[in-house]
Amino acid sequence: MKDIFFILLWLNLCCTVIVGQQNIEGSVYQDLDANCTFTNGDINLSGITVKALLNGSNNIFYYGTTDADGHYSISCPSGTYTVYPVRTPYTQPNCTPFSGVVTTQASDTIDFPLEVYISCPAMNVDVSAPILTKAFSSTYAIEYSNRGTATANQVQIELEVDSFLNVQSFSIPPASQLGNVYLFNIGTVGVAQSGTIDMEVQVKSTAIDEQTHCVRAYITPDSSCYSDSAMDWWLDIEGTCRNDSVLFTIRNQSALPAISKPYWVFEDDIIMRTGNVNVMNGIDTIIGLSALPRKFYRIEVGDISNAPDSIFSAFVEGCVPDNNGEFNTGFPTQYNNANRVSWDAVDCQQNTAVTLANRKMAQPQGYRAGYYINVGQFIDYQINFQNTGASTVHKITIIDTLSNYLNPSSVQLTSASHPYTWSIKDQNILEIQLDSVNLPSSSVDISQSYGFVKFRIEQNFPSPIGNVIENLADVYMDQQPPIQTNLTIHETASDFFITPIITICPEVVPQMKVYPNPFKDRVTIEMGGEPQEVTLVVYDIIGREMVRIQESNTTRMVWTPNNLKSGVYVFNLFAEGKVIGKGRIIAQ
């Protein structure tokens, strides 16, 4: 799936290498004066992946990535190759293409001068931290860059911090603060320039173990430089907890007068409600539901058949804790958090009491024990490392051999704890270098002994159902032997979310009384026993939730529906998050 901000350039540049293992190298730069030669004022482009296709092969590729000087190098066997850069934003190759066959005993040089055809800034931002814990502080890195073709002016970053994180310091002071939202005035960011803001935080003692904490970074200017069909409709969704109710507020952020899309509401990892929502421009649409104790709630709006990143979502964790103040955890990171544009980033991760060193994380983590993700879903991988040795570590090298089901040319390094360089080598090897980490030993300063790198990658296209995507990385610290991370696993699938299986009960549970049944205007359900807090949930025969009613200190529930269609309905009664009764009712 193509990123909505980048185009693919296919230059039919052929290069023949005849002696053993050779190099194809060159430079990629923004040719501002359009003279097809690098001159004063032209801009070297870093982080551009260059592909070499072995002609006559069945999609055998070799890769190189441009460094800070715009230089790339591709190591490849002898053969004839078609070479081209990928994901070069808002530029096009107007120069006369390289042609003919070059034979060399050392290397072939192919430069790519790219002429600007749309002049605009394209801001990127990302945010993450290597670990979140109550035991010591952690450092978020908020990384930003301009991958466009023009200087960005009056750049600002708005940072929304989870309320259970105690902010201790920033590497640069914010211009303003409103509650847990911080505003940073970055100023001017030139083409291919980047920067980082560090934020030191610590998980508050009031958070429960393994609770999920989210930090959102939003950068302006915040628009795409050209029209794209994926931008025709745009929603913003906010999930909030109000007393014992979860409210999802949906806003139409596009120019369309109305947007009509299907939605799904999850309770923990089961779809509890589906429907269609019509969102008018300028008018908030609210989908509300009563929250059961401990339960996690999430909404997805959009059409998954279009693309996984066309889904807009929000979630609420821990709205109604149980009597011990606990709630279900671990659900938010199973799902895609829909970071679908470069200027809006959300990082969600659980706090931990275990200080895990050298581990690999993935978002989405994948659904349930099968770690299912949709076909075409991008993956955000994060590699965390920690110095648990006796002396300071100065250099980190990470080698990640990518799964054959992932597209190496789609790799985007999005954030890291320390300055880094990266490249795609051979056919599927991602190499990341962090040359000046100066990580102290965990026995000296545990909070500063951690670091991380984070990257996004897409699946190959087309990607069939049933692919098992496995990934791990080797972490080299100075001259020490490599440390291997854990293995992450995903399986591509479709229609894998669980929906309630409604069994039509022949009669209600014997201890209960339901009357009248069949009913016309209202129905009463008596539970007997001691008064308690009870939630009544009624479904139709295909499992769609019709109503949810909660009463305190009661032994009976009364439902008085309006304009209910005749038919069979099923109800469940919940107390303390458990089913205490169920049955069948008939509306006349």
Foldseek 3Di string as FASTA:
>chain_A
DDAPFFFFAFFQAKEFEADFKAKEKEFEWAPAVPPPDDDPPIAGAFQWKKWKAFPPDDGFIWIWTQWRRRMTMAIDTGGMTRMGITGQGQWYQPDDAHDDYDYDPHYHYGYGHTYHPFADWAKFWEKDWQAAAQPDKTKMKIKMATSGRFKDFQKKKKKAWFPQKAWDDKPDAFPDDDRRITMHGPGIHGHNGMDIMMIIIHGHPPDDAFAKIKMKMFMPPDDHRDDDPLQQWDKDWEWDFDQQKIKIKIATPHPDQKDKWKKFKDWQQATQAIDIDIHGHPDIDIDMDGHAAQIKMKMWTHDVVVDLLSIAMYIDGGSHHFPVSHHDHDRPLQAANNPSGRRMYMDMGTHHPDPDAFAKAKGSLARDPQREDAFWDKIKMKTKHFAQDQAWFAKKKKKKFFDPQWDQSFKDWHDKPADWGWIGHTRGIIIIIHGGLRAGHCVVPVNRRMMMTMIMTTTDPPHDFFDKTKIKMWMDTDPDGTDIHDIRIYGHDPPPGHYDQDDADPFKDVQKDKPDFQDEFKIKIFNDDWFAKKKKWKAANVNHTDHIDIDGRDRMDMDGDDPDDWDKMKMFMDGSRDTPIIHIGTYD
